[in-house]
Amino acid sequence: AMERLYLSAATNGLADFADGIAYVGYDLYALLYSAM
């Protein structure tokens, strides 16, 4: 999900802004952290 989110942001010219944030729930955040 995070990779798709970033790819779409980059494709649409949004990834290079310094104030970009990916908002997630604490449950998704915990799964992402564990996966990494």
Full PDB file with SEQRES, HELIX, SHEET, SSBOND, CRYST1, ORIGX, SCALE, CONECT and MASTER records, all heavy atoms in Angstrom:
SEQRES   1 A   36  ALA MET GLU ARG LEU TYR LEU SER ALA ALA THR ASN GLY          
SEQRES   2 A   36  LEU ALA ASP PHE ALA ASP GLY ILE ALA TYR VAL GLY TYR          
SEQRES   3 A   36  ASP LEU TYR ALA LEU LEU TYR SER ALA MET                      
HELIX    1 AA1 MET A    2  THR A   11  1                                  10    
HELIX    2 AA2 TYR A   26  ALA A   35  1                                  10    
CRYST1    1.000    1.000    1.000  90.00  90.00  90.00 P 1           1          
ORIGX1      1.000000  0.000000  0.000000        0.00000                         
ORIGX2      0.000000  1.000000  0.000000        0.00000                         
ORIGX3      0.000000  0.000000  1.000000        0.00000                         
SCALE1      1.000000  0.000000  0.000000        0.00000                         
SCALE2      0.000000  1.000000  0.000000        0.00000                         
SCALE3      0.000000  0.000000  1.000000        0.00000                         
ATOM      1  N   ALA A   1       0.820  -1.202   0.000  1.00  0.00           N  
ATOM      2  CA  ALA A   1       0.000   0.000   0.000  1.00  0.00           C  
ATOM      3  C   ALA A   1       0.860   1.259   0.000  1.00  0.00           C  
ATOM      4  O   ALA A   1       0.575   2.221  -0.726  1.00  0.00           O  
ATOM      5  CB  ALA A   1      -0.937  -0.002   1.209  1.00  0.00           C  
ATOM      6  N   MET A   2       1.906   1.265   0.819  1.00  0.00           N  
ATOM      7  CA  MET A   2       2.767   2.447   0.875  1.00  0.00           C  
ATOM      8  C   MET A   2       3.513   2.649  -0.442  1.00  0.00           C  
ATOM      9  O   MET A   2       3.704   3.786  -0.898  1.00  0.00           O  
ATOM     10  CB  MET A   2       3.748   2.322   2.037  1.00  0.00           C  
ATOM     11  CG  MET A   2       3.111   2.353   3.422  1.00  0.00           C  
ATOM     12  SD  MET A   2       2.125   3.854   3.739  1.00  0.00           S  
ATOM     13  CE  MET A   2       0.452   3.187   3.512  1.00  0.00           C  
ATOM     14  N   GLU A   3       3.905   1.561  -1.065  1.00  0.00           N  
ATOM     15  CA  GLU A   3       4.603   1.677  -2.342  1.00  0.00           C  
ATOM     16  C   GLU A   3       3.673   2.195  -3.435  1.00  0.00           C  
ATOM     17  O   GLU A   3       4.055   3.026  -4.263  1.00  0.00           O  
ATOM     18  CB  GLU A   3       5.202   0.323  -2.711  1.00  0.00           C  
ATOM     19  CG  GLU A   3       6.353  -0.079  -1.782  1.00  0.00           C  
ATOM     20  CD  GLU A   3       6.773  -1.535  -1.925  1.00  0.00           C  
ATOM     21  OE1 GLU A   3       6.220  -2.217  -2.826  1.00  0.00           O  
ATOM     22  OE2 GLU A   3       7.647  -1.983  -1.152  1.00  0.00           O  
ATOM     23  N   ARG A   4       2.430   1.710  -3.418  1.00  0.00           N  
ATOM     24  CA  ARG A   4       1.452   2.206  -4.400  1.00  0.00           C  
ATOM     25  C   ARG A   4       1.102   3.671  -4.136  1.00  0.00           C  
ATOM     26  O   ARG A   4       0.916   4.459  -5.070  1.00  0.00           O  
ATOM     27  CB  ARG A   4       0.184   1.347  -4.355  1.00  0.00           C  
ATOM     28  CG  ARG A   4       0.384  -0.072  -4.840  1.00  0.00           C  
ATOM     29  CD  ARG A   4      -0.941  -0.807  -4.984  1.00  0.00           C  
ATOM     30  NE  ARG A   4      -0.734  -2.191  -5.405  1.00  0.00           N  
ATOM     31  CZ  ARG A   4      -1.664  -2.954  -5.972  1.00  0.00           C  
ATOM     32  NH1 ARG A   4      -2.880  -2.452  -6.175  1.00  0.00           N  
ATOM     33  NH2 ARG A   4      -1.402  -4.200  -6.310  1.00  0.00           N  
ATOM     34  N   LEU A   5       0.997   4.018  -2.854  1.00  0.00           N  
ATOM     35  CA  LEU A   5       0.675   5.398  -2.496  1.00  0.00           C  
ATOM     36  C   LEU A   5       1.757   6.336  -3.016  1.00  0.00           C  
ATOM     37  O   LEU A   5       1.468   7.380  -3.613  1.00  0.00           O  
ATOM     38  CB  LEU A   5       0.559   5.501  -0.976  1.00  0.00           C  
ATOM     39  CG  LEU A   5      -0.393   6.550  -0.385  1.00  0.00           C  
ATOM     40  CD1 LEU A   5      -1.831   6.245  -0.766  1.00  0.00           C  
ATOM     41  CD2 LEU A   5      -0.265   6.573   1.129  1.00  0.00           C  
ATOM     42  N   TYR A   6       3.017   5.950  -2.787  1.00  0.00           N  
ATOM     43  CA  TYR A   6       4.126   6.805  -3.220  1.00  0.00           C  
ATOM     44  C   TYR A   6       4.209   6.871  -4.742  1.00  0.00           C  
ATOM     45  O   TYR A   6       4.441   7.944  -5.311  1.00  0.00           O  
ATOM     46  CB  TYR A   6       5.445   6.279  -2.659  1.00  0.00           C  
ATOM     47  CG  TYR A   6       6.627   7.135  -3.064  1.00  0.00           C  
ATOM     48  CD1 TYR A   6       6.921   8.323  -2.408  1.00  0.00           C  
ATOM     49  CD2 TYR A   6       7.438   6.758  -4.135  1.00  0.00           C  
ATOM     50  CE1 TYR A   6       7.990   9.119  -2.794  1.00  0.00           C  
ATOM     51  CE2 TYR A   6       8.510   7.550  -4.533  1.00  0.00           C  
ATOM     52  CZ  TYR A   6       8.780   8.723  -3.851  1.00  0.00           C  
ATOM     53  OH  TYR A   6       9.836   9.506  -4.239  1.00  0.00           O  
ATOM     54  N   LEU A   7       4.016   5.737  -5.418  1.00  0.00           N  
ATOM     55  CA  LEU A   7       4.089   5.725  -6.877  1.00  0.00           C  
ATOM     56  C   LEU A   7       3.033   6.648  -7.471  1.00  0.00           C  
ATOM     57  O   LEU A   7       3.325   7.420  -8.397  1.00  0.00           O  
ATOM     58  CB  LEU A   7       3.896   4.303  -7.403  1.00  0.00           C  
ATOM     59  CG  LEU A   7       3.896   4.142  -8.931  1.00  0.00           C  
ATOM     60  CD1 LEU A   7       5.225   4.618  -9.527  1.00  0.00           C  
ATOM     61  CD2 LEU A   7       3.617   2.690  -9.326  1.00  0.00           C  
ATOM     62  N   SER A   8       1.836   6.599  -6.959  1.00  0.00           N  
ATOM     63  CA  SER A   8       0.778   7.472  -7.469  1.00  0.00           C  
ATOM     64  C   SER A   8       1.090   8.938  -7.181  1.00  0.00           C  
ATOM     65  O   SER A   8       0.851   9.812  -8.013  1.00  0.00           O  
ATOM     66  CB  SER A   8      -0.568   7.093  -6.849  1.00  0.00           C  
ATOM     67  OG  SER A   8      -0.998   5.833  -7.312  1.00  0.00           O  
ATOM     68  N   ALA A   9       1.621   9.218  -5.984  1.00  0.00           N  
ATOM     69  CA  ALA A   9       1.995  10.587  -5.646  1.00  0.00           C  
ATOM     70  C   ALA A   9       3.084  11.089  -6.581  1.00  0.00           C  
ATOM     71  O   ALA A   9       3.038  12.227  -7.069  1.00  0.00           O  
ATOM     72  CB  ALA A   9       2.453  10.670  -4.194  1.00  0.00           C  
ATOM     73  N   ALA A  10       4.076  10.234  -6.830  1.00  0.00           N  
ATOM     74  CA  ALA A  10       5.180  10.625  -7.710  1.00  0.00           C  
ATOM     75  C   ALA A  10       4.697  10.820  -9.141  1.00  0.00           C  
ATOM     76  O   ALA A  10       5.080  11.795  -9.818  1.00  0.00           O  
ATOM     77  CB  ALA A  10       6.275   9.562  -7.662  1.00  0.00           C  
ATOM     78  N   THR A  11       3.855   9.925  -9.621  1.00  0.00           N  
ATOM     79  CA  THR A  11       3.346  10.012 -10.985  1.00  0.00           C  
ATOM     80  C   THR A  11       2.550  11.289 -11.204  1.00  0.00           C  
ATOM     81  O   THR A  11       2.546  11.866 -12.305  1.00  0.00           O  
ATOM     82  CB  THR A  11       2.464   8.786 -11.305  1.00  0.00           C  
ATOM     83  OG1 THR A  11       3.238   7.592 -11.123  1.00  0.00           O  
ATOM     84  CG2 THR A  11       1.952   8.838 -12.728  1.00  0.00           C  
ATOM     85  N   ASN A  12       1.890  11.757 -10.155  1.00  0.00           N  
ATOM     86  CA  ASN A  12       1.043  12.947 -10.274  1.00  0.00           C  
ATOM     87  C   ASN A  12       1.727  14.213  -9.763  1.00  0.00           C  
ATOM     88  O   ASN A  12       1.071  15.230  -9.523  1.00  0.00           O  
ATOM     89  CB  ASN A  12      -0.268  12.721  -9.518  1.00  0.00           C  
ATOM     90  CG  ASN A  12      -1.185  11.746 -10.221  1.00  0.00           C  
ATOM     91  OD1 ASN A  12      -1.933  12.128 -11.111  1.00  0.00           O  
ATOM     92  ND2 ASN A  12      -1.124  10.477  -9.833  1.00  0.00           N  
ATOM     93  N   GLY A  13       3.050  14.151  -9.596  1.00  0.00           N  
ATOM     94  CA  GLY A  13       3.821  15.335  -9.261  1.00  0.00           C  
ATOM     95  C   GLY A  13       3.648  15.833  -7.844  1.00  0.00           C  
ATOM     96  O   GLY A  13       3.833  17.020  -7.564  1.00  0.00           O  
ATOM     97  N   LEU A  14       3.290  14.927  -6.910  1.00  0.00           N  
ATOM     98  CA  LEU A  14       3.052  15.345  -5.529  1.00  0.00           C  
ATOM     99  C   LEU A  14       4.131  14.894  -4.561  1.00  0.00           C  
ATOM    100  O   LEU A  14       4.162  15.345  -3.418  1.00  0.00           O  
ATOM    101  CB  LEU A  14       1.698  14.784  -5.047  1.00  0.00           C  
ATOM    102  CG  LEU A  14       0.472  15.207  -5.854  1.00  0.00           C  
ATOM    103  CD1 LEU A  14      -0.754  14.449  -5.372  1.00  0.00           C  
ATOM    104  CD2 LEU A  14       0.258  16.715  -5.747  1.00  0.00           C  
ATOM    105  N   ALA A  15       5.019  14.009  -4.993  1.00  0.00           N  
ATOM    106  CA  ALA A  15       5.960  13.394  -4.054  1.00  0.00           C  
ATOM    107  C   ALA A  15       7.125  14.295  -3.680  1.00  0.00           C  
ATOM    108  O   ALA A  15       7.803  14.034  -2.687  1.00  0.00           O  
ATOM    109  CB  ALA A  15       6.493  12.077  -4.642  1.00  0.00           C  
ATOM    110  N   ASP A  16       7.368  15.332  -4.447  1.00  0.00           N  
ATOM    111  CA  ASP A  16       8.565  16.147  -4.194  1.00  0.00           C  
ATOM    112  C   ASP A  16       8.300  17.334  -3.285  1.00  0.00           C  
ATOM    113  O   ASP A  16       9.196  18.134  -3.029  1.00  0.00           O  
ATOM    114  CB  ASP A  16       9.170  16.642  -5.516  1.00  0.00           C  
ATOM    115  CG  ASP A  16       8.195  17.474  -6.339  1.00  0.00           C  
ATOM    116  OD1 ASP A  16       6.978  17.315  -6.150  1.00  0.00           O  
ATOM    117  OD2 ASP A  16       8.656  18.262  -7.185  1.00  0.00           O  
ATOM    118  N   PHE A  17       7.091  17.472  -2.760  1.00  0.00           N  
ATOM    119  CA  PHE A  17       6.790  18.560  -1.832  1.00  0.00           C  
ATOM    120  C   PHE A  17       7.206  18.169  -0.423  1.00  0.00           C  
ATOM    121  O   PHE A  17       6.950  17.055   0.035  1.00  0.00           O  
ATOM    122  CB  PHE A  17       5.296  18.905  -1.855  1.00  0.00           C  
ATOM    123  CG  PHE A  17       4.847  19.541  -3.143  1.00  0.00           C  
ATOM    124  CD1 PHE A  17       4.161  18.803  -4.091  1.00  0.00           C  
ATOM    125  CD2 PHE A  17       5.125  20.872  -3.402  1.00  0.00           C  
ATOM    126  CE1 PHE A  17       3.745  19.387  -5.280  1.00  0.00           C  
ATOM    127  CE2 PHE A  17       4.708  21.469  -4.585  1.00  0.00           C  
ATOM    128  CZ  PHE A  17       4.023  20.725  -5.531  1.00  0.00           C  
ATOM    129  N   ALA A  18       7.808  19.115   0.293  1.00  0.00           N  
ATOM    130  CA  ALA A  18       8.351  18.816   1.613  1.00  0.00           C  
ATOM    131  C   ALA A  18       7.277  18.546   2.648  1.00  0.00           C  
ATOM    132  O   ALA A  18       7.553  17.935   3.680  1.00  0.00           O  
ATOM    133  CB  ALA A  18       9.245  19.972   2.082  1.00  0.00           C  
ATOM    134  N   ASP A  19       6.036  19.021   2.412  1.00  0.00           N  
ATOM    135  CA  ASP A  19       4.992  18.856   3.420  1.00  0.00           C  
ATOM    136  C   ASP A  19       4.063  17.676   3.144  1.00  0.00           C  
ATOM    137  O   ASP A  19       2.977  17.587   3.693  1.00  0.00           O  
ATOM    138  CB  ASP A  19       4.171  20.140   3.568  1.00  0.00           C  
ATOM    139  CG  ASP A  19       3.423  20.516   2.300  1.00  0.00           C  
ATOM    140  OD1 ASP A  19       3.774  19.991   1.224  1.00  0.00           O  
ATOM    141  OD2 ASP A  19       2.473  21.325   2.385  1.00  0.00           O  
ATOM    142  N   GLY A  20       4.485  16.750   2.278  1.00  0.00           N  
ATOM    143  CA  GLY A  20       3.675  15.574   1.989  1.00  0.00           C  
ATOM    144  C   GLY A  20       3.646  14.602   3.164  1.00  0.00           C  
ATOM    145  O   GLY A  20       4.672  14.328   3.786  1.00  0.00           O  
ATOM    146  N   ILE A  21       2.473  14.074   3.486  1.00  0.00           N  
ATOM    147  CA  ILE A  21       2.302  13.138   4.602  1.00  0.00           C  
ATOM    148  C   ILE A  21       1.403  11.995   4.150  1.00  0.00           C  
ATOM    149  O   ILE A  21       0.367  12.222   3.516  1.00  0.00           O  
ATOM    150  CB  ILE A  21       1.656  13.823   5.826  1.00  0.00           C  
ATOM    151  CG1 ILE A  21       2.538  14.960   6.346  1.00  0.00           C  
ATOM    152  CG2 ILE A  21       1.398  12.813   6.943  1.00  0.00           C  
ATOM    153  CD1 ILE A  21       1.891  15.758   7.472  1.00  0.00           C  
ATOM    154  N   ALA A  22       1.785  10.770   4.493  1.00  0.00           N  
ATOM    155  CA  ALA A  22       0.913   9.610   4.334  1.00  0.00           C  
ATOM    156  C   ALA A  22       0.233   9.369   5.673  1.00  0.00           C  
ATOM    157  O   ALA A  22       0.887   9.055   6.666  1.00  0.00           O  
ATOM    158  CB  ALA A  22       1.704   8.386   3.900  1.00  0.00           C  
ATOM    159  N   TYR A  23      -1.077   9.548   5.716  1.00  0.00           N  
ATOM    160  CA  TYR A  23      -1.853   9.350   6.941  1.00  0.00           C  
ATOM    161  C   TYR A  23      -2.341   7.911   6.992  1.00  0.00           C  
ATOM    162  O   TYR A  23      -2.975   7.428   6.048  1.00  0.00           O  
ATOM    163  CB  TYR A  23      -3.052  10.299   6.965  1.00  0.00           C  
ATOM    164  CG  TYR A  23      -2.714  11.766   6.870  1.00  0.00           C  
ATOM    165  CD1 TYR A  23      -2.719  12.429   5.641  1.00  0.00           C  
ATOM    166  CD2 TYR A  23      -2.417  12.514   8.000  1.00  0.00           C  
ATOM    167  CE1 TYR A  23      -2.431  13.783   5.546  1.00  0.00           C  
ATOM    168  CE2 TYR A  23      -2.128  13.874   7.921  1.00  0.00           C  
ATOM    169  CZ  TYR A  23      -2.133  14.497   6.685  1.00  0.00           C  
ATOM    170  OH  TYR A  23      -1.847  15.831   6.604  1.00  0.00           O  
ATOM    171  N   VAL A  24      -2.060   7.232   8.099  1.00  0.00           N  
ATOM    172  CA  VAL A  24      -2.470   5.837   8.262  1.00  0.00           C  
ATOM    173  C   VAL A  24      -3.044   5.653   9.663  1.00  0.00           C  
ATOM    174  O   VAL A  24      -2.811   6.458  10.562  1.00  0.00           O  
ATOM    175  CB  VAL A  24      -1.291   4.862   8.055  1.00  0.00           C  
ATOM    176  CG1 VAL A  24      -0.677   5.040   6.677  1.00  0.00           C  
ATOM    177  CG2 VAL A  24      -0.221   5.057   9.132  1.00  0.00           C  
ATOM    178  N   GLY A  25      -3.780   4.557   9.865  1.00  0.00           N  
ATOM    179  CA  GLY A  25      -4.234   4.210  11.198  1.00  0.00           C  
ATOM    180  C   GLY A  25      -3.101   3.580  11.992  1.00  0.00           C  
ATOM    181  O   GLY A  25      -2.107   3.109  11.431  1.00  0.00           O  
ATOM    182  N   TYR A  26      -3.260   3.547  13.305  1.00  0.00           N  
ATOM    183  CA  TYR A  26      -2.233   2.932  14.147  1.00  0.00           C  
ATOM    184  C   TYR A  26      -2.089   1.438  13.843  1.00  0.00           C  
ATOM    185  O   TYR A  26      -0.998   0.876  13.986  1.00  0.00           O  
ATOM    186  CB  TYR A  26      -2.556   3.145  15.624  1.00  0.00           C  
ATOM    187  CG  TYR A  26      -2.121   4.487  16.155  1.00  0.00           C  
ATOM    188  CD1 TYR A  26      -2.912   5.615  15.988  1.00  0.00           C  
ATOM    189  CD2 TYR A  26      -0.905   4.641  16.818  1.00  0.00           C  
ATOM    190  CE1 TYR A  26      -2.514   6.856  16.468  1.00  0.00           C  
ATOM    191  CE2 TYR A  26      -0.502   5.878  17.299  1.00  0.00           C  
ATOM    192  CZ  TYR A  26      -1.309   6.980  17.124  1.00  0.00           C  
ATOM    193  OH  TYR A  26      -0.898   8.202  17.594  1.00  0.00           O  
ATOM    194  N   ASP A  27      -3.168   0.781  13.439  1.00  0.00           N  
ATOM    195  CA  ASP A  27      -3.089  -0.636  13.120  1.00  0.00           C  
ATOM    196  C   ASP A  27      -2.251  -0.865  11.864  1.00  0.00           C  
ATOM    197  O   ASP A  27      -1.380  -1.752  11.833  1.00  0.00           O  
ATOM    198  CB  ASP A  27      -4.485  -1.236  12.961  1.00  0.00           C  
ATOM    199  CG  ASP A  27      -5.450  -0.330  12.180  1.00  0.00           C  
ATOM    200  OD1 ASP A  27      -4.992   0.672  11.587  1.00  0.00           O  
ATOM    201  OD2 ASP A  27      -6.659  -0.626  12.172  1.00  0.00           O  
ATOM    202  N   LEU A  28      -2.489  -0.055  10.841  1.00  0.00           N  
ATOM    203  CA  LEU A  28      -1.703  -0.179   9.613  1.00  0.00           C  
ATOM    204  C   LEU A  28      -0.246   0.204   9.861  1.00  0.00           C  
ATOM    205  O   LEU A  28       0.680  -0.418   9.318  1.00  0.00           O  
ATOM    206  CB  LEU A  28      -2.307   0.691   8.517  1.00  0.00           C  
ATOM    207  CG  LEU A  28      -1.608   0.686   7.155  1.00  0.00           C  
ATOM    208  CD1 LEU A  28      -1.507  -0.724   6.597  1.00  0.00           C  
ATOM    209  CD2 LEU A  28      -2.334   1.605   6.179  1.00  0.00           C  
ATOM    210  N   TYR A  29      -0.025   1.206  10.683  1.00  0.00           N  
ATOM    211  CA  TYR A  29       1.329   1.637  11.021  1.00  0.00           C  
ATOM    212  C   TYR A  29       2.107   0.510  11.701  1.00  0.00           C  
ATOM    213  O   TYR A  29       3.276   0.258  11.387  1.00  0.00           O  
ATOM    214  CB  TYR A  29       1.257   2.861  11.925  1.00  0.00           C  
ATOM    215  CG  TYR A  29       2.594   3.475  12.288  1.00  0.00           C  
ATOM    216  CD1 TYR A  29       3.188   4.413  11.455  1.00  0.00           C  
ATOM    217  CD2 TYR A  29       3.251   3.136  13.465  1.00  0.00           C  
ATOM    218  CE1 TYR A  29       4.407   5.002  11.778  1.00  0.00           C  
ATOM    219  CE2 TYR A  29       4.465   3.710  13.801  1.00  0.00           C  
ATOM    220  CZ  TYR A  29       5.036   4.641  12.960  1.00  0.00           C  
ATOM    221  OH  TYR A  29       6.240   5.216  13.292  1.00  0.00           O  
ATOM    222  N   ALA A  30       1.456  -0.195  12.624  1.00  0.00           N  
ATOM    223  CA  ALA A  30       2.110  -1.295  13.335  1.00  0.00           C  
ATOM    224  C   ALA A  30       2.474  -2.421  12.374  1.00  0.00           C  
ATOM    225  O   ALA A  30       3.571  -3.002  12.455  1.00  0.00           O  
ATOM    226  CB  ALA A  30       1.198  -1.812  14.447  1.00  0.00           C  
ATOM    227  N   LEU A  31       1.571  -2.745  11.442  1.00  0.00           N  
ATOM    228  CA  LEU A  31       1.849  -3.793  10.456  1.00  0.00           C  
ATOM    229  C   LEU A  31       2.992  -3.389   9.535  1.00  0.00           C  
ATOM    230  O   LEU A  31       3.860  -4.206   9.205  1.00  0.00           O  
ATOM    231  CB  LEU A  31       0.596  -4.081   9.639  1.00  0.00           C  
ATOM    232  CG  LEU A  31      -0.507  -4.866  10.353  1.00  0.00           C  
ATOM    233  CD1 LEU A  31      -1.804  -4.796   9.559  1.00  0.00           C  
ATOM    234  CD2 LEU A  31      -0.080  -6.324  10.553  1.00  0.00           C  
ATOM    235  N   LEU A  32       2.998  -2.130   9.125  1.00  0.00           N  
ATOM    236  CA  LEU A  32       4.059  -1.647   8.244  1.00  0.00           C  
ATOM    237  C   LEU A  32       5.405  -1.705   8.941  1.00  0.00           C  
ATOM    238  O   LEU A  32       6.404  -2.170   8.373  1.00  0.00           O  
ATOM    239  CB  LEU A  32       3.748  -0.223   7.803  1.00  0.00           C  
ATOM    240  CG  LEU A  32       4.815   0.478   6.967  1.00  0.00           C  
ATOM    241  CD1 LEU A  32       5.003  -0.240   5.641  1.00  0.00           C  
ATOM    242  CD2 LEU A  32       4.442   1.947   6.740  1.00  0.00           C  
ATOM    243  N   TYR A  33       5.455  -1.237  10.181  1.00  0.00           N  
ATOM    244  CA  TYR A  33       6.704  -1.235  10.940  1.00  0.00           C  
ATOM    245  C   TYR A  33       7.232  -2.657  11.097  1.00  0.00           C  
ATOM    246  O   TYR A  33       8.414  -2.934  10.881  1.00  0.00           O  
ATOM    247  CB  TYR A  33       6.470  -0.586  12.299  1.00  0.00           C  
ATOM    248  CG  TYR A  33       7.731  -0.105  12.990  1.00  0.00           C  
ATOM    249  CD1 TYR A  33       8.095   1.233  12.926  1.00  0.00           C  
ATOM    250  CD2 TYR A  33       8.554  -0.980  13.689  1.00  0.00           C  
ATOM    251  CE1 TYR A  33       9.251   1.689  13.552  1.00  0.00           C  
ATOM    252  CE2 TYR A  33       9.698  -0.531  14.310  1.00  0.00           C  
ATOM    253  CZ  TYR A  33      10.047   0.799  14.241  1.00  0.00           C  
ATOM    254  OH  TYR A  33      11.187   1.240  14.856  1.00  0.00           O  
ATOM    255  N   SER A  34       6.334  -3.587  11.444  1.00  0.00           N  
ATOM    256  CA  SER A  34       6.733  -4.990  11.620  1.00  0.00           C  
ATOM    257  C   SER A  34       7.211  -5.586  10.306  1.00  0.00           C  
ATOM    258  O   SER A  34       8.199  -6.332  10.272  1.00  0.00           O  
ATOM    259  CB  SER A  34       5.556  -5.809  12.161  1.00  0.00           C  
ATOM    260  OG  SER A  34       5.153  -5.351  13.426  1.00  0.00           O  
ATOM    261  N   ALA A  35       6.523  -5.262   9.214  1.00  0.00           N  
ATOM    262  CA  ALA A  35       6.901  -5.805   7.911  1.00  0.00           C  
ATOM    263  C   ALA A  35       8.287  -5.357   7.499  1.00  0.00           C  
ATOM    264  O   ALA A  35       9.081  -6.130   6.951  1.00  0.00           O  
ATOM    265  CB  ALA A  35       5.879  -5.379   6.862  1.00  0.00           C  
ATOM    266  N   MET A  36       8.617  -4.104   7.780  1.00  0.00           N  
ATOM    267  CA  MET A  36       9.923  -3.585   7.397  1.00  0.00           C  
ATOM    268  C   MET A  36      11.033  -4.227   8.215  1.00  0.00           C  
ATOM    269  O   MET A  36      12.110  -4.535   7.709  1.00  0.00           O  
ATOM    270  CB  MET A  36       9.934  -2.065   7.547  1.00  0.00           C  
ATOM    271  CG  MET A  36       8.951  -1.373   6.617  1.00  0.00           C  
ATOM    272  SD  MET A  36       8.833   0.400   6.910  1.00  0.00           S  
ATOM    273  CE  MET A  36      10.421   0.937   6.298  1.00  0.00           C  
TER     274      MET A  36                                                      
MASTER        0    0    0    2    0    0    0    6  273    1    0    3          
END                                                                             
